[in-house]
Amino acid sequence: MELKDKLQALKEEAVQKVQAIAEKKELQDIKVSYLGKKGVITGLMKEMKSLPNEEKPMFGQLVNDARQTVEKAIAEVEEKIQREMINRKLASETVDITLPGKELVSGASHPLNRIVEDIEDLFVGLGYEVVEGYEVESDYYNFEALNLPKSHPARDMQDSFYISDEVLMRTHTSPVQARTLEARKGQGPVKIICPGKVYRRDSDDATHSHQFTQIEGLVVDENIKMSDLKGTLEYFAKKMFGEDREIRLRPSFFPFTEPSVEVDISCFKCKGKGCNVCKGTGWIEILGAGMVHPNVLEMAGFDSKKYSGFAFGMGPDRIAMLKYGIEDIRHFYTNDLRFVTQFLRAEDGGNADVSK
């Protein structure tokens, strides 16, 4: 039968061509030319109508056999091509496992973050709660709720960045204290520390920055006395700067505390004898503090005859400068990795090794 012979020849031809192919695209082209909708083998089915009825089933079987034979040949070659592609890729990406690996560079905590974490850990151990607040604040919580009405001259010491007449970048973290007192609705005790960034319009130099960090503490309860404040700050100074540190309280003024004090520690470099760090005085100022002003308690809904409290505020920037011998506050904010990587955590409990 001519059609039968023609079909056998096409099958053999297709298999030979498929087995000679080495590229995936060429294989796809062959598959379409023989087995596609308009392919040669597919087209033979149209010639069945010219055959006698008794020959059609056998011819259809032969066409299907040819199709299956070509499909099998294509699958085998496709698998071979895929395997060769993988082998070539593996050969090109061979890794010499005897070569030294890439060094993983350890990250370093920023010195300010380390100081803040150390202070937080210290006060959490004393039962304080860490509370954070808004950096964009209202004038009321930043000033008025802290006994600083709009006409108060002390506002000039905290000139800030105003967004509107009633909204500004906070000048201290004290608004967190005011909001916390208000939220407690006149019920003590309150025992919190408030870390965060603050902003003031200041000229940047070695000891001043328009942005810096601050941590404030607040304790309000019945029968809180000045001696409680002194004992707390003395404990803080010894844990942060060494057990041989002493503190000194000097009278001062803050609108939100009365009485108010400046707190100094004995110089850790000269042991009180006088040096360049303490400017010859033997003492270094580290923070301000005082007893919470009754007006602040009353505005927050606390009975100032029943409750009393103390508050303190410190700058982690200054503490870090003293603790690590950093001479310029701008180093904290310039993102120079040479500076930050000096403070890799050591295994000695977190003290920085700045000798390298």
Protein backbone atom coordinates (compact mmCIF):
# COMPACT_ATOMS: atom_id res chain seq x y z
CA MET A 1 0.00 0.00 0.00
CA GLU A 2 1.48 3.36 -1.04
CA LEU A 3 0.18 5.23 2.04
CA LYS A 4 1.56 2.55 4.34
CA ASP A 5 4.99 2.75 2.72
CA LYS A 6 4.89 6.53 2.78
CA LEU A 7 4.03 6.51 6.49
CA GLN A 8 6.87 4.08 7.30
CA ALA A 9 9.35 6.28 5.42
CA LEU A 10 8.16 9.41 7.25
CA LYS A 11 8.51 7.67 10.60
CA GLU A 12 12.06 6.58 9.92
CA GLU A 13 12.96 10.01 8.56
CA ALA A 14 11.55 11.79 11.60
CA VAL A 15 13.36 9.51 14.06
CA GLN A 16 16.69 10.00 12.26
CA LYS A 17 16.30 13.80 12.27
CA VAL A 18 15.29 13.84 15.94
CA GLN A 19 18.26 11.73 17.01
CA ALA A 20 20.64 14.09 15.19
CA ILE A 21 19.43 17.20 17.06
CA ALA A 22 21.52 18.73 19.89
CA GLU A 23 19.59 21.95 20.60
CA LYS A 24 16.26 22.32 22.39
CA LYS A 25 14.88 24.87 19.90
CA GLU A 26 15.60 22.64 16.90
CA LEU A 27 13.88 19.76 18.65
CA GLN A 28 10.77 21.88 19.15
CA ASP A 29 10.78 22.83 15.48
CA ILE A 30 10.95 19.15 14.43
CA LYS A 31 8.13 18.29 16.81
CA VAL A 32 5.89 20.94 15.26
CA SER A 33 6.77 19.97 11.67
CA TYR A 34 5.84 16.29 12.16
CA LEU A 35 3.34 16.22 15.03
CA GLY A 36 1.79 19.70 15.07
CA LYS A 37 -1.70 20.48 13.81
CA LYS A 38 -0.28 21.04 10.36
CA GLY A 39 2.50 18.45 10.75
CA VAL A 40 3.31 15.84 8.13
CA ILE A 41 2.25 12.77 10.14
CA THR A 42 -0.90 14.52 11.37
CA GLY A 43 -1.75 15.39 7.76
CA LEU A 44 -1.76 11.73 6.73
CA MET A 45 -4.97 11.19 8.66
CA LYS A 46 -6.73 13.33 6.07
CA GLU A 47 -5.85 10.78 3.39
CA MET A 48 -7.83 8.03 5.13
CA LYS A 49 -10.96 9.10 3.30
CA SER A 50 -9.47 7.82 0.04
CA LEU A 51 -9.01 4.32 1.47
CA PRO A 52 -11.53 1.49 1.39
CA ASN A 53 -13.42 1.16 4.66
CA GLU A 54 -11.82 -2.15 5.52
CA GLU A 55 -8.31 -0.60 5.36
CA LYS A 56 -9.05 2.54 7.43
CA PRO A 57 -8.71 0.97 10.93
CA MET A 58 -5.33 -0.56 10.14
CA PHE A 59 -4.08 2.68 8.60
CA GLY A 60 -5.25 4.70 11.60
CA GLN A 61 -3.37 2.29 13.86
CA LEU A 62 -0.22 2.74 11.78
CA VAL A 63 -0.49 6.54 11.99
CA ASN A 64 -0.85 6.37 15.77
CA ASP A 65 2.13 4.02 15.97
CA ALA A 66 4.23 6.43 13.92
CA ARG A 67 3.15 9.34 16.15
CA GLN A 68 4.02 7.44 19.33
CA THR A 69 7.40 6.35 17.91
CA VAL A 70 8.32 9.96 17.02
CA GLU A 71 7.06 11.28 20.38
CA LYS A 72 9.18 8.71 22.21
CA ALA A 73 12.27 9.64 20.18
CA ILE A 74 11.65 13.33 20.89
CA ALA A 75 11.24 12.67 24.65
CA GLU A 76 14.50 10.71 24.77
CA VAL A 77 16.44 13.41 22.97
CA GLU A 78 14.83 16.15 25.07
CA GLU A 79 15.90 14.36 28.25
CA LYS A 80 19.41 13.97 26.87
CA ILE A 81 19.63 17.67 25.98
CA GLN A 82 18.32 18.68 29.43
CA ARG A 83 20.82 16.43 31.17
CA GLU A 84 23.70 17.88 29.11
CA MET A 85 22.57 21.42 29.92
CA ILE A 86 22.58 20.64 33.65
CA ASN A 87 26.01 19.02 33.41
CA ARG A 88 27.41 22.05 31.58
CA LYS A 89 25.92 24.39 34.20
CA LEU A 90 27.30 22.32 37.05
CA ALA A 91 30.72 22.28 35.41
CA SER A 92 30.70 26.06 34.99
CA GLU A 93 29.56 26.63 38.58
CA THR A 94 31.91 24.22 40.27
CA VAL A 95 32.94 25.41 43.73
CA ASP A 96 36.29 24.57 45.17
CA ILE A 97 35.30 23.58 48.71
CA THR A 98 38.94 23.76 49.82
CA LEU A 99 38.99 27.55 49.32
CA PRO A 100 38.48 29.68 52.46
CA GLY A 101 34.91 30.90 52.92
CA LYS A 102 33.79 34.51 52.91
CA GLU A 103 34.27 36.22 56.24
CA LEU A 104 31.03 37.14 57.96
CA VAL A 105 31.43 40.59 59.45
CA SER A 106 29.71 40.92 62.81
CA GLY A 107 27.49 43.92 63.33
CA ALA A 108 28.09 46.33 66.18
CA SER A 109 25.51 48.01 68.37
CA HIS A 110 25.64 51.79 68.18
CA PRO A 111 27.25 53.14 71.37
CA LEU A 112 24.16 55.21 72.13
CA ASN A 113 21.93 52.16 71.80
CA ARG A 114 24.26 50.26 74.11
CA ILE A 115 24.10 52.97 76.77
CA VAL A 116 20.31 53.22 76.50
CA GLU A 117 19.98 49.43 76.80
CA ASP A 118 22.32 49.36 79.80
CA ILE A 119 20.31 52.10 81.54
CA GLU A 120 17.03 50.38 80.71
CA ASP A 121 18.30 47.09 82.11
CA LEU A 122 19.47 48.81 85.26
CA PHE A 123 16.13 50.50 85.98
CA VAL A 124 13.99 47.56 84.88
CA GLY A 125 15.89 45.64 87.54
CA LEU A 126 14.64 48.23 90.04
CA GLY A 127 11.03 47.66 88.98
CA TYR A 128 10.68 50.51 86.48
CA GLU A 129 8.56 50.23 83.34
CA VAL A 130 10.00 51.42 79.99
CA VAL A 131 7.52 53.76 78.27
CA GLU A 132 8.02 55.46 74.90
CA GLY A 133 6.04 58.29 73.32
CA TYR A 134 5.59 60.61 70.36
CA GLU A 135 8.50 62.57 68.89
CA VAL A 136 6.01 65.02 67.36
CA GLU A 137 4.15 66.47 70.35
CA SER A 138 1.52 69.02 71.26
CA ASP A 139 2.53 72.22 72.99
CA TYR A 140 0.29 71.25 75.92
CA TYR A 141 2.07 68.00 76.81
CA ASN A 142 5.54 69.31 75.95
CA PHE A 143 5.21 72.45 78.07
CA GLU A 144 1.90 73.35 79.75
CA ALA A 145 1.26 70.01 81.45
CA LEU A 146 4.77 70.33 82.90
CA ASN A 147 4.13 73.69 84.60
CA LEU A 148 5.43 75.70 81.63
CA PRO A 149 2.59 77.99 80.45
CA LYS A 150 2.95 79.86 77.17
CA SER A 151 4.39 82.96 78.83
CA HIS A 152 6.97 81.10 80.94
CA PRO A 153 10.54 82.40 80.31
CA ALA A 154 12.03 78.91 80.80
CA ARG A 155 10.64 77.98 77.39
CA ASP A 156 13.49 79.98 75.85
CA MET A 157 15.93 77.32 77.14
CA GLN A 158 14.11 74.69 75.07
CA ASP A 159 13.59 76.46 71.75
CA SER A 160 12.46 73.79 69.30
CA PHE A 161 11.23 73.08 65.80
CA TYR A 162 7.57 74.07 65.54
CA ILE A 163 5.33 72.45 62.94
CA SER A 164 2.44 74.76 63.85
CA ASP A 165 1.60 77.03 66.79
CA GLU A 166 0.45 74.01 68.81
CA VAL A 167 2.60 71.16 67.41
CA LEU A 168 6.37 70.77 67.67
CA MET A 169 9.22 68.28 67.79
CA ARG A 170 9.49 67.40 71.47
CA THR A 171 12.29 69.11 73.36
CA HIS A 172 12.51 66.41 76.07
CA THR A 173 10.87 63.08 76.86
CA SER A 174 8.90 64.67 79.72
CA PRO A 175 5.65 64.60 77.67
CA VAL A 176 5.73 60.81 78.08
CA GLN A 177 5.64 61.35 81.84
CA ALA A 178 2.76 63.81 81.56
CA ARG A 179 0.74 61.45 79.36
CA THR A 180 1.45 58.48 81.63
CA LEU A 181 0.34 60.40 84.73
CA GLU A 182 -2.83 61.51 82.96
CA ALA A 183 -3.57 57.93 81.85
CA ARG A 184 -3.28 56.66 85.45
CA LYS A 185 -6.19 58.94 86.45
CA GLY A 186 -4.75 59.95 89.78
CA GLN A 187 -3.92 56.45 90.95
CA GLY A 188 -0.36 55.50 91.92
CA PRO A 189 2.14 54.07 92.01
CA VAL A 190 3.91 55.24 88.85
CA LYS A 191 7.46 54.06 88.18
CA ILE A 192 8.71 54.61 84.63
CA ILE A 193 11.69 55.56 82.50
CA CYS A 194 11.20 57.23 79.12
CA PRO A 195 13.97 56.89 76.50
CA GLY A 196 13.94 58.51 73.08
CA LYS A 197 15.14 61.19 70.67
CA VAL A 198 14.52 64.87 71.36
CA TYR A 199 15.03 68.01 69.27
CA ARG A 200 16.13 71.56 70.01
CA ARG A 201 17.23 74.45 67.87
CA ASP A 202 20.89 74.38 68.77
CA SER A 203 24.10 75.01 66.86
CA ASP A 204 25.95 71.75 66.27
CA ASP A 205 29.42 71.59 67.77
CA ALA A 206 31.54 69.12 69.74
CA THR A 207 29.13 69.09 72.71
CA HIS A 208 25.78 70.22 71.22
CA SER A 209 23.41 68.79 68.63
CA HIS A 210 19.99 69.75 67.29
CA GLN A 211 19.00 66.10 67.84
CA PHE A 212 20.08 63.99 70.78
CA THR A 213 18.85 61.19 73.02
CA GLN A 214 17.39 61.51 76.48
CA ILE A 215 16.18 59.22 79.24
CA GLU A 216 13.92 60.52 81.96
CA GLY A 217 12.64 58.72 85.02
CA LEU A 218 9.55 59.29 87.13
CA VAL A 219 8.37 57.81 90.42
CA VAL A 220 5.06 58.86 91.99
CA ASP A 221 3.60 57.20 95.07
CA GLU A 222 2.73 57.94 98.66
CA ASN A 223 5.55 59.12 100.93
CA ILE A 224 8.23 59.54 98.21
CA LYS A 225 11.06 61.68 99.60
CA MET A 226 14.22 63.42 98.41
CA SER A 227 16.24 60.67 100.07
CA ASP A 228 14.61 58.15 97.69
CA LEU A 229 15.79 60.22 94.75
CA LYS A 230 19.33 60.50 96.11
CA GLY A 231 19.56 56.77 96.82
CA THR A 232 18.31 55.91 93.31
CA LEU A 233 20.80 58.23 91.60
CA GLU A 234 23.67 57.04 93.77
CA TYR A 235 22.89 53.44 92.83
CA PHE A 236 22.73 54.45 89.14
CA ALA A 237 26.09 56.26 89.27
CA LYS A 238 27.89 53.34 90.89
CA LYS A 239 26.47 50.78 88.45
CA MET A 240 27.13 52.92 85.40
CA PHE A 241 30.51 54.45 86.27
CA GLY A 242 32.00 52.24 89.00
CA GLU A 243 31.40 51.35 92.63
CA ASP A 244 33.81 54.03 93.88
CA ARG A 245 31.74 56.88 92.37
CA GLU A 246 30.19 59.47 94.64
CA ILE A 247 27.41 61.91 93.77
CA ARG A 248 26.81 65.53 94.65
CA LEU A 249 23.48 67.37 94.54
CA ARG A 250 23.52 71.10 93.78
CA PRO A 251 20.43 73.35 94.01
CA SER A 252 19.00 74.27 90.64
CA PHE A 253 15.74 75.24 88.93
CA PHE A 254 13.38 73.28 86.70
CA PRO A 255 9.75 74.38 86.28
CA PHE A 256 8.42 70.84 86.69
CA THR A 257 10.29 69.95 89.90
CA GLU A 258 10.55 71.64 93.30
CA PRO A 259 13.07 71.47 94.83
CA SER A 260 15.37 70.86 91.86
CA VAL A 261 18.99 69.73 91.75
CA GLU A 262 21.87 69.26 89.35
CA VAL A 263 23.62 65.95 89.93
CA ASP A 264 27.39 65.53 89.66
CA ILE A 265 29.53 62.41 89.96
CA SER A 266 33.09 62.29 91.21
CA CYS A 267 35.53 62.29 88.29
CA PHE A 268 36.41 58.74 87.30
CA LYS A 269 39.68 59.84 85.71
CA CYS A 270 41.33 61.83 88.51
CA LYS A 271 39.33 60.43 91.45
CA GLY A 272 38.33 63.94 92.46
CA LYS A 273 41.77 65.54 92.34
CA GLY A 274 41.07 67.66 89.27
CA CYS A 275 41.91 67.06 85.58
CA ASN A 276 40.98 68.11 82.06
CA VAL A 277 37.87 65.88 82.04
CA CYS A 278 36.34 67.52 85.13
CA LYS A 279 37.90 70.92 84.35
CA GLY A 280 39.85 70.83 87.57
CA THR A 281 36.81 70.58 89.84
CA GLY A 282 36.89 66.86 90.61
CA TRP A 283 33.18 66.61 89.64
CA ILE A 284 31.29 65.95 86.40
CA GLU A 285 27.69 67.02 85.85
CA ILE A 286 25.58 64.15 84.47
CA LEU A 287 21.88 64.93 84.96
CA GLY A 288 19.13 67.08 86.46
CA ALA A 289 16.51 65.93 88.93
CA GLY A 290 14.07 66.98 91.62
CA MET A 291 10.80 66.36 93.40
CA VAL A 292 7.77 66.50 91.09
CA HIS A 293 6.10 69.91 91.31
CA PRO A 294 2.65 69.75 92.95
CA ASN A 295 1.19 71.65 89.97
CA VAL A 296 2.29 68.85 87.61
CA LEU A 297 0.62 66.26 89.84
CA GLU A 298 -2.59 68.25 90.14
CA MET A 299 -2.84 68.89 86.38
CA ALA A 300 -2.56 65.12 85.80
CA GLY A 301 -5.32 64.40 88.32
CA PHE A 302 -3.20 63.37 91.32
CA ASP A 303 -3.85 64.64 94.83
CA SER A 304 -0.58 66.39 95.69
CA LYS A 305 -1.37 66.13 99.41
CA LYS A 306 -1.52 62.35 99.14
CA TYR A 307 1.06 61.67 96.43
CA SER A 308 4.60 62.90 95.90
CA GLY A 309 7.31 61.88 93.53
CA PHE A 310 10.71 62.48 91.99
CA ALA A 311 11.90 62.83 88.41
CA PHE A 312 15.28 62.87 86.71
CA GLY A 313 16.58 63.36 83.20
CA MET A 314 19.86 62.41 81.61
CA GLY A 315 21.47 62.47 78.17
CA PRO A 316 22.82 59.07 77.03
CA ASP A 317 24.99 61.02 74.57
CA ARG A 318 26.83 62.70 77.43
CA ILE A 319 27.05 59.50 79.45
CA ALA A 320 28.48 57.64 76.45
CA MET A 321 31.00 60.43 75.86
CA LEU A 322 32.15 60.21 79.47
CA LYS A 323 32.12 56.42 79.65
CA TYR A 324 33.99 55.82 76.39
CA GLY A 325 36.13 58.95 76.19
CA ILE A 326 34.39 60.35 73.08
CA GLU A 327 35.26 64.00 72.51
CA ASP A 328 32.74 65.02 69.83
CA ILE A 329 29.00 64.35 70.01
CA ARG A 330 28.77 64.55 66.21
CA HIS A 331 30.48 61.17 65.93
CA PHE A 332 27.24 59.57 67.10
CA TYR A 333 25.27 60.87 64.11
CA THR A 334 27.64 60.80 61.13
CA ASN A 335 27.28 57.02 60.52
CA ASP A 336 31.01 56.47 60.13
CA LEU A 337 31.55 52.70 60.41
CA ARG A 338 35.11 53.24 61.59
CA PHE A 339 33.66 54.86 64.69
CA VAL A 340 30.79 52.42 65.31
CA THR A 341 32.84 49.24 64.87
CA GLN A 342 35.02 50.20 67.83
CA PHE A 343 32.13 49.21 70.05
CA LEU A 344 31.77 45.52 69.22
CA ARG A 345 30.30 43.67 72.16
CA ALA A 346 32.89 41.67 74.03
CA GLU A 347 32.35 38.64 76.23
CA ASP A 348 32.98 40.67 79.36
CA GLY A 349 29.35 41.55 79.89
CA GLY A 350 29.00 44.19 77.22
CA ASN A 351 31.93 46.53 77.89
CA ALA A 352 33.42 47.97 74.75
CA ASP A 353 36.99 47.32 73.77
CA VAL A 354 38.15 50.62 72.29
CA SER A 355 41.84 49.76 72.39
CA LYS A 356 41.88 48.34 68.85
